[in-house]
Amino acid sequence: MFPNERLKQLFFWTIELLAIATLLFIVFRFDFLMKPIAVFVGTVFIPLLVSGFLYYCLKPLQKLIEKIRFGKWQMPRSAAVILTFTLFMVVIISALMIFVPLILNEISNLITSLPNVVNHVQDYVKDVIEEPWFKKLNLSVSDDDVKNAVSQYASSFVRVTAGTLTGFVGAATSFTIGALTIPIILFYMLADSNRFLPAIQKFFPKNRAEDVQVLGQELDHTIERYISGQAIQMLFVGFAMSIGFGLIGLPYIWLLGFIAGVANIVPYVGPFIGVFPAALVAVSVDWKMLIGIAILMAIVQQINGSIIYPALIGKSLRIHPLTVMLLLLAAGNLWGMIGMIVVVPFYAIIRTITLYIVKLRRAQQHEATVTELTKSLEDDSLL
């Protein structure tokens, strides 16, 4: 029926994939089954994602502490885990005590000054309308149009803010649960990380144990360099932008710097997303600050792109920029900001696994060819 074994395997794999796809389609149609699963995954996914991010941020520090030795005595791994976790908790608690009150105070001041911001934007738009270059455009824009447009956007902002405040109780509950569960998950990740790969190897034949170990180490190295590098980039961009905002006279510097630092985790488009709120605030104060923000962003991103990124991440991902942009577009439309954050490392993991399997397959084919050639030469020598 089949000309060769390869077509036979392709046929059966196609049938299996179609059967799995059909089964998944049928299961997804039952909301009473999928809704509890979706809630469970949504509840568990965020703590695991945050814990994994923090684990790879702390892993280089744990390795460094494990290398401490005095004479013949060397730091035990368990002590290194406890010391690393303790240092992390001290830093986090100190940062929360110092920066959270500053950011909350700036948020409160921003909400209080919102009417003044609206009035300032209205005056700024009126001044633009009176400019000679704008009149040459022959656009009919009246003062009432300006007031209505600004009031509409302001009311939208108020509705969003009110909705945010309404959901504060739910957000506080989620934060409390996360604050209790994430440190526990993180501690066990640090303590039991050396047991994960041996546990995975048990699911594979013994002759593949070494291949699984090599692949696991490659994946671990790729994720570690990417996440730890991204964390340091976020800290640098956040502090540098906050200091720069303060130098050009922009208000709410810690809040705007925090947004710029967090947004920087999204490759390429993150810096523009992060600086957009600062641009809005600058327009409400003095439009000339936009020039300072543009110069500041160019300097910070130049330092980040030419010094920090190559030193920390380098070519560990080896993903073409066009591929990254396409991934971000697709993930952003499908899963929003979380998708844009996760899609690049996820693609790097899939790519690393695929390339290693292809490499292993080629090595096996080469080994089989060499074996057949050697056997053929031996048969010829016997003749």
Protein backbone atom coordinates (compact mmCIF):
# COMPACT_ATOMS: atom_id res chain seq x y z
CA MET A 1 0.00 0.00 0.00
CA PHE A 2 2.80 2.43 0.88
CA PRO A 3 5.89 2.79 -1.37
CA ASN A 4 8.23 3.22 1.61
CA GLU A 5 8.28 3.38 5.40
CA ARG A 6 8.53 7.18 5.51
CA LEU A 7 5.19 7.66 3.72
CA LYS A 8 3.62 5.10 5.99
CA GLN A 9 4.75 7.00 9.12
CA LEU A 10 3.61 10.31 7.60
CA PHE A 11 0.16 8.88 6.90
CA PHE A 12 -0.33 7.53 10.41
CA TRP A 13 0.99 10.72 12.05
CA THR A 14 -1.42 12.79 9.92
CA ILE A 15 -4.35 10.60 11.00
CA GLU A 16 -3.30 10.90 14.67
CA LEU A 17 -2.99 14.68 14.50
CA LEU A 18 -6.39 15.01 12.82
CA ALA A 19 -7.94 12.79 15.48
CA ILE A 20 -6.38 14.88 18.27
CA ALA A 21 -7.52 18.13 16.61
CA THR A 22 -11.07 16.77 16.25
CA LEU A 23 -11.13 15.66 19.89
CA LEU A 24 -9.89 19.06 21.07
CA PHE A 25 -12.49 20.82 18.92
CA ILE A 26 -15.27 18.73 20.45
CA VAL A 27 -14.00 19.26 24.00
CA PHE A 28 -13.71 23.03 23.52
CA ARG A 29 -17.37 23.14 22.55
CA PHE A 30 -18.40 22.10 26.07
CA ASP A 31 -18.25 25.27 28.17
CA PHE A 32 -19.04 23.46 31.41
CA LEU A 33 -15.81 21.47 30.91
CA MET A 34 -13.55 24.25 29.60
CA LYS A 35 -14.57 27.04 31.99
CA PRO A 36 -13.21 25.35 35.16
CA ILE A 37 -10.06 24.37 33.24
CA ALA A 38 -9.60 27.94 31.98
CA VAL A 39 -10.08 29.35 35.49
CA PHE A 40 -7.61 26.84 36.92
CA VAL A 41 -4.99 27.56 34.26
CA GLY A 42 -5.49 31.31 34.62
CA THR A 43 -5.13 31.08 38.39
CA VAL A 44 -2.03 28.88 38.33
CA PHE A 45 -0.33 30.29 35.23
CA ILE A 46 0.47 33.79 36.56
CA PRO A 47 2.09 32.64 39.86
CA LEU A 48 4.11 30.02 37.96
CA LEU A 49 5.15 32.57 35.34
CA VAL A 50 6.24 35.14 37.94
CA SER A 51 8.00 32.48 40.04
CA GLY A 52 9.84 31.16 36.98
CA PHE A 53 10.90 34.68 36.04
CA LEU A 54 12.22 35.35 39.55
CA TYR A 55 13.93 31.92 39.65
CA TYR A 56 16.00 32.67 36.56
CA CYS A 57 16.78 36.14 37.90
CA LEU A 58 18.13 34.65 41.14
CA LYS A 59 19.83 31.60 39.64
CA PRO A 60 23.11 33.41 38.74
CA LEU A 61 23.29 34.73 42.31
CA GLN A 62 22.71 31.25 43.72
CA LYS A 63 25.49 29.84 41.53
CA LEU A 64 27.82 32.59 42.71
CA ILE A 65 27.05 31.90 46.38
CA GLU A 66 27.59 28.15 45.88
CA LYS A 67 31.17 28.90 44.74
CA ILE A 68 32.07 30.51 48.09
CA ARG A 69 34.72 28.50 49.90
CA PHE A 70 37.10 28.96 52.84
CA GLY A 71 39.97 26.53 52.63
CA LYS A 72 38.46 23.06 52.31
CA TRP A 73 35.01 24.23 53.32
CA GLN A 74 32.56 25.03 50.49
CA MET A 75 29.12 26.58 50.73
CA PRO A 76 26.49 23.79 50.82
CA ARG A 77 23.77 24.02 48.21
CA SER A 78 20.99 24.14 50.81
CA ALA A 79 22.68 27.06 52.57
CA ALA A 80 23.13 28.85 49.23
CA VAL A 81 19.40 28.44 48.51
CA ILE A 82 18.41 29.84 51.92
CA LEU A 83 20.87 32.74 51.64
CA THR A 84 19.73 33.59 48.11
CA PHE A 85 16.06 33.51 49.09
CA THR A 86 16.72 35.62 52.20
CA LEU A 87 18.59 38.27 50.22
CA PHE A 88 15.77 38.35 47.68
CA MET A 89 13.11 38.85 50.36
CA VAL A 90 15.14 41.62 52.02
CA VAL A 91 15.56 43.45 48.70
CA ILE A 92 11.89 43.06 47.76
CA ILE A 93 10.60 44.21 51.15
CA SER A 94 12.99 47.18 51.15
CA ALA A 95 11.95 48.16 47.62
CA LEU A 96 8.27 47.90 48.53
CA MET A 97 8.78 50.08 51.61
CA ILE A 98 10.70 52.73 49.65
CA PHE A 99 9.18 52.89 46.16
CA VAL A 100 5.56 51.75 46.58
CA PRO A 101 4.60 54.77 48.76
CA LEU A 102 6.27 57.09 46.21
CA ILE A 103 4.41 55.56 43.28
CA LEU A 104 1.06 55.48 45.11
CA ASN A 105 1.53 59.12 46.08
CA GLU A 106 2.25 60.06 42.45
CA ILE A 107 -0.86 58.15 41.28
CA SER A 108 -2.96 60.04 43.83
CA ASN A 109 -1.47 63.38 42.71
CA LEU A 110 -2.10 62.50 39.06
CA ILE A 111 -5.77 61.74 39.70
CA THR A 112 -6.14 64.94 41.78
CA SER A 113 -4.56 67.11 39.09
CA LEU A 114 -6.57 65.56 36.25
CA PRO A 115 -8.94 68.58 35.85
CA ASN A 116 -5.96 70.92 35.55
CA VAL A 117 -4.39 68.59 32.99
CA VAL A 118 -7.62 68.64 30.94
CA ASN A 119 -7.74 72.45 30.99
CA HIS A 120 -4.08 72.68 30.01
CA VAL A 121 -4.59 70.32 27.09
CA GLN A 122 -7.57 72.39 25.92
CA ASP A 123 -5.50 75.59 26.02
CA TYR A 124 -2.65 73.85 24.18
CA VAL A 125 -4.97 72.62 21.42
CA LYS A 126 -6.46 76.13 21.06
CA ASP A 127 -2.97 77.60 20.67
CA VAL A 128 -2.19 75.04 17.97
CA ILE A 129 -5.39 75.95 16.10
CA GLU A 130 -4.35 79.62 16.08
CA GLU A 131 -0.96 78.81 14.54
CA PRO A 132 -0.54 80.03 10.91
CA TRP A 133 0.57 76.61 9.66
CA PHE A 134 -2.61 75.01 11.04
CA LYS A 135 -4.87 77.63 9.43
CA LYS A 136 -3.33 76.81 6.07
CA LEU A 137 -4.79 73.29 6.37
CA ASN A 138 -8.29 74.82 6.04
CA LEU A 139 -9.73 72.64 8.79
CA SER A 140 -12.85 73.95 10.50
CA VAL A 141 -12.26 73.33 14.21
CA SER A 142 -14.15 75.45 16.76
CA ASP A 143 -13.60 75.96 20.48
CA ASP A 144 -16.67 73.85 21.21
CA ASP A 145 -15.20 70.98 19.19
CA VAL A 146 -12.01 71.16 21.24
CA LYS A 147 -13.90 71.24 24.52
CA ASN A 148 -16.14 68.35 23.54
CA ALA A 149 -13.25 66.21 22.32
CA VAL A 150 -11.10 66.82 25.40
CA SER A 151 -14.07 66.34 27.72
CA GLN A 152 -14.93 63.08 25.98
CA TYR A 153 -11.41 61.72 26.42
CA ALA A 154 -11.31 62.96 30.02
CA SER A 155 -14.63 61.28 30.84
CA SER A 156 -13.33 58.07 29.26
CA PHE A 157 -10.26 58.29 31.46
CA VAL A 158 -12.45 58.84 34.52
CA ARG A 159 -14.60 55.82 33.62
CA VAL A 160 -11.50 53.66 33.22
CA THR A 161 -10.15 54.95 36.53
CA ALA A 162 -13.46 54.30 38.26
CA GLY A 163 -13.56 50.80 36.86
CA THR A 164 -10.02 50.26 38.06
CA LEU A 165 -10.89 51.46 41.54
CA THR A 166 -14.01 49.29 41.55
CA GLY A 167 -11.90 46.25 40.81
CA PHE A 168 -9.37 47.18 43.46
CA VAL A 169 -10.78 44.65 45.93
CA GLY A 170 -10.39 41.81 43.44
CA ALA A 171 -6.90 43.01 42.49
CA ALA A 172 -5.91 43.27 46.15
CA THR A 173 -7.17 39.73 46.75
CA SER A 174 -5.20 38.39 43.77
CA PHE A 175 -2.11 40.29 44.91
CA THR A 176 -2.41 38.88 48.43
CA ILE A 177 -2.75 35.33 47.12
CA GLY A 178 0.21 35.88 44.80
CA ALA A 179 2.29 37.43 47.57
CA LEU A 180 1.75 34.30 49.65
CA THR A 181 2.11 31.64 46.95
CA ILE A 182 4.87 33.06 44.71
CA PRO A 183 7.61 33.07 47.40
CA ILE A 184 6.74 29.47 48.32
CA ILE A 185 6.86 28.33 44.67
CA LEU A 186 10.08 30.27 44.16
CA PHE A 187 11.76 28.68 47.18
CA TYR A 188 10.97 25.16 45.99
CA MET A 189 12.17 26.03 42.49
CA LEU A 190 15.50 27.14 43.93
CA ALA A 191 15.75 24.12 46.23
CA ASP A 192 14.65 21.37 43.83
CA SER A 193 15.85 22.68 40.47
CA ASN A 194 18.62 20.05 40.35
CA ARG A 195 15.99 17.27 40.55
CA PHE A 196 13.89 18.46 37.62
CA LEU A 197 16.08 17.21 34.77
CA PRO A 198 16.67 13.72 36.27
CA ALA A 199 12.89 13.41 36.72
CA ILE A 200 12.36 14.25 33.03
CA GLN A 201 15.00 11.70 31.99
CA LYS A 202 12.97 8.89 33.56
CA PHE A 203 10.31 9.31 30.86
CA PHE A 204 12.81 8.53 28.09
CA PRO A 205 14.79 5.39 27.23
CA LYS A 206 18.17 5.02 28.89
CA ASN A 207 20.02 5.41 25.60
CA ARG A 208 18.43 8.90 25.26
CA ALA A 209 19.20 10.08 28.79
CA GLU A 210 22.37 11.90 27.72
CA ASP A 211 20.59 13.63 24.83
CA VAL A 212 17.82 14.80 27.17
CA GLN A 213 20.41 16.14 29.60
CA VAL A 214 22.26 18.09 26.89
CA LEU A 215 19.01 19.53 25.52
CA GLY A 216 17.81 20.44 29.00
CA GLN A 217 21.07 22.25 29.76
CA GLU A 218 20.85 24.18 26.48
CA LEU A 219 17.28 25.24 27.22
CA ASP A 220 18.15 26.20 30.78
CA HIS A 221 21.10 28.29 29.60
CA THR A 222 19.01 30.06 26.94
CA ILE A 223 16.15 30.91 29.32
CA GLU A 224 18.54 31.98 32.09
CA ARG A 225 20.47 34.41 29.89
CA TYR A 226 17.29 35.86 28.39
CA ILE A 227 15.31 36.36 31.60
CA SER A 228 18.19 37.57 33.79
CA GLY A 229 19.22 39.93 30.99
CA GLN A 230 15.69 41.25 30.63
CA ALA A 231 15.44 41.84 34.38
CA ILE A 232 18.65 43.89 34.45
CA GLN A 233 17.49 45.82 31.36
CA MET A 234 14.19 46.65 33.07
CA LEU A 235 15.94 47.92 36.18
CA PHE A 236 18.41 50.01 34.17
CA VAL A 237 15.76 51.54 31.89
CA GLY A 238 13.40 52.22 34.81
CA PHE A 239 15.99 54.02 36.95
CA ALA A 240 17.63 55.82 34.03
CA MET A 241 14.32 57.10 32.67
CA SER A 242 13.17 58.20 36.15
CA ILE A 243 16.38 60.17 36.69
CA GLY A 244 16.12 61.64 33.18
CA PHE A 245 12.48 62.63 33.73
CA GLY A 246 13.53 64.41 36.90
CA LEU A 247 16.32 66.28 35.08
CA ILE A 248 13.96 67.64 32.40
CA GLY A 249 11.42 68.68 35.03
CA LEU A 250 8.70 66.11 34.35
CA PRO A 251 6.36 65.24 37.28
CA TYR A 252 5.50 61.72 38.46
CA ILE A 253 9.02 60.52 37.61
CA TRP A 254 8.92 57.25 39.58
CA LEU A 255 5.54 56.20 38.21
CA LEU A 256 6.54 57.00 34.62
CA GLY A 257 9.96 55.39 35.06
CA PHE A 258 8.33 52.25 36.47
CA ILE A 259 6.03 52.03 33.42
CA ALA A 260 8.97 52.54 31.04
CA GLY A 261 11.03 49.85 32.77
CA VAL A 262 8.26 47.25 32.85
CA ALA A 263 7.28 47.91 29.21
CA ASN A 264 10.89 47.38 28.13
CA ILE A 265 10.42 43.63 28.61
CA VAL A 266 8.55 43.62 25.26
CA PRO A 267 11.25 43.59 22.53
CA TYR A 268 11.45 46.50 20.07
CA VAL A 269 7.99 48.01 20.67
CA GLY A 270 8.21 48.04 24.49
CA PRO A 271 10.28 51.26 24.76
CA PHE A 272 7.70 53.17 22.70
CA ILE A 273 4.82 51.78 24.76
CA GLY A 274 6.61 52.70 27.98
CA VAL A 275 7.38 56.29 26.98
CA PHE A 276 3.86 57.08 25.72
CA PRO A 277 2.41 57.99 29.18
CA ALA A 278 5.40 60.29 29.77
CA ALA A 279 4.68 61.99 26.44
CA LEU A 280 1.05 62.59 27.46
CA VAL A 281 2.12 64.12 30.76
CA ALA A 282 4.72 66.25 28.97
CA VAL A 283 2.07 67.65 26.60
CA SER A 284 -0.06 68.66 29.60
CA VAL A 285 2.89 70.51 31.16
CA ASP A 286 4.97 71.89 28.29
CA TRP A 287 5.18 70.42 24.81
CA LYS A 288 8.89 71.34 24.64
CA MET A 289 9.50 68.51 27.13
CA LEU A 290 8.75 66.09 24.29
CA ILE A 291 12.13 66.99 22.81
CA GLY A 292 13.84 66.15 26.09
CA ILE A 293 11.94 62.86 26.33
CA ALA A 294 12.95 61.93 22.77
CA ILE A 295 16.62 62.69 23.50
CA LEU A 296 16.46 60.83 26.82
CA MET A 297 14.87 57.77 25.21
CA ALA A 298 17.48 57.77 22.43
CA ILE A 299 20.37 57.90 24.93
CA VAL A 300 18.96 55.23 27.27
CA GLN A 301 18.04 52.84 24.46
CA GLN A 302 21.42 53.37 22.78
CA ILE A 303 23.24 52.41 25.99
CA ASN A 304 20.87 49.50 26.51
CA GLY A 305 21.09 48.26 22.93
CA SER A 306 24.83 48.66 22.39
CA ILE A 307 26.23 47.77 25.84
CA ILE A 308 23.79 46.04 28.20
CA TYR A 309 21.86 43.80 25.77
CA PRO A 310 24.94 42.38 23.97
CA ALA A 311 26.74 41.76 27.27
CA LEU A 312 23.83 40.03 29.01
CA ILE A 313 21.84 38.30 26.27
CA GLY A 314 24.12 38.50 23.24
CA LYS A 315 23.31 35.92 20.60
CA SER A 316 21.75 33.39 22.97
CA LEU A 317 18.38 33.64 21.17
CA ARG A 318 19.66 33.95 17.57
CA ILE A 319 16.23 35.09 16.36
CA HIS A 320 15.93 37.43 13.38
CA PRO A 321 14.35 40.83 14.25
CA LEU A 322 11.68 40.38 11.55
CA THR A 323 10.67 37.06 13.13
CA VAL A 324 10.40 38.77 16.52
CA MET A 325 8.18 41.51 15.08
CA LEU A 326 5.84 38.98 13.46
CA LEU A 327 5.66 36.99 16.69
CA LEU A 328 4.81 40.14 18.66
CA LEU A 329 2.07 41.13 16.21
CA ALA A 330 0.45 37.70 16.35
CA ALA A 331 0.79 37.27 20.13
CA GLY A 332 -0.42 40.81 20.82
CA ASN A 333 -3.61 40.27 18.83
CA LEU A 334 -4.27 36.84 20.32
CA TRP A 335 -3.25 37.18 23.98
CA GLY A 336 -2.49 40.86 24.60
CA MET A 337 0.46 42.13 26.61
CA ILE A 338 1.07 38.80 28.38
CA GLY A 339 1.38 37.12 25.01
CA MET A 340 3.90 39.71 23.80
CA ILE A 341 6.01 39.09 26.89
CA VAL A 342 5.92 35.29 26.72
CA VAL A 343 6.02 34.64 22.97
CA VAL A 344 9.75 35.36 22.37
CA PRO A 345 11.18 33.03 25.05
CA PHE A 346 8.55 30.41 24.19
CA TYR A 347 9.56 30.57 20.53
CA ALA A 348 13.22 30.36 21.57
CA ILE A 349 12.45 27.17 23.54
CA ILE A 350 10.58 25.55 20.62
CA ARG A 351 13.33 26.60 18.22
CA THR A 352 16.08 25.18 20.44
CA ILE A 353 14.25 21.85 20.80
CA THR A 354 13.58 21.63 17.06
CA LEU A 355 17.15 22.46 16.08
CA TYR A 356 18.54 19.95 18.56
CA ILE A 357 16.23 17.20 17.26
CA VAL A 358 17.28 17.99 13.68
CA LYS A 359 20.93 17.98 14.71
CA LEU A 360 20.50 14.67 16.52
CA ARG A 361 18.66 13.18 13.55
CA ARG A 362 21.45 14.19 11.18
CA ALA A 363 24.06 12.75 13.52
CA GLN A 364 22.16 9.46 13.64
CA GLN A 365 21.88 9.37 9.84
CA HIS A 366 25.59 10.11 9.52
CA GLU A 367 26.40 7.38 12.03
CA ALA A 368 24.19 4.91 10.15
CA THR A 369 25.86 5.83 6.86
CA VAL A 370 29.32 5.36 8.36
CA THR A 371 28.26 2.02 9.82
CA GLU A 372 26.91 0.81 6.48
CA LEU A 373 30.04 2.00 4.67
CA THR A 374 32.29 0.28 7.19
CA LYS A 375 30.29 -2.94 6.89
CA SER A 376 30.47 -2.73 3.09
CA LEU A 377 34.24 -2.28 3.19
CA GLU A 378 34.60 -5.22 5.53
CA ASP A 379 32.50 -7.41 3.19
CA ASP A 380 34.65 -6.33 0.24
CA SER A 381 37.83 -7.16 2.14
CA LEU A 382 36.49 -10.65 2.90
CA LEU A 383 35.87 -11.21 -0.77
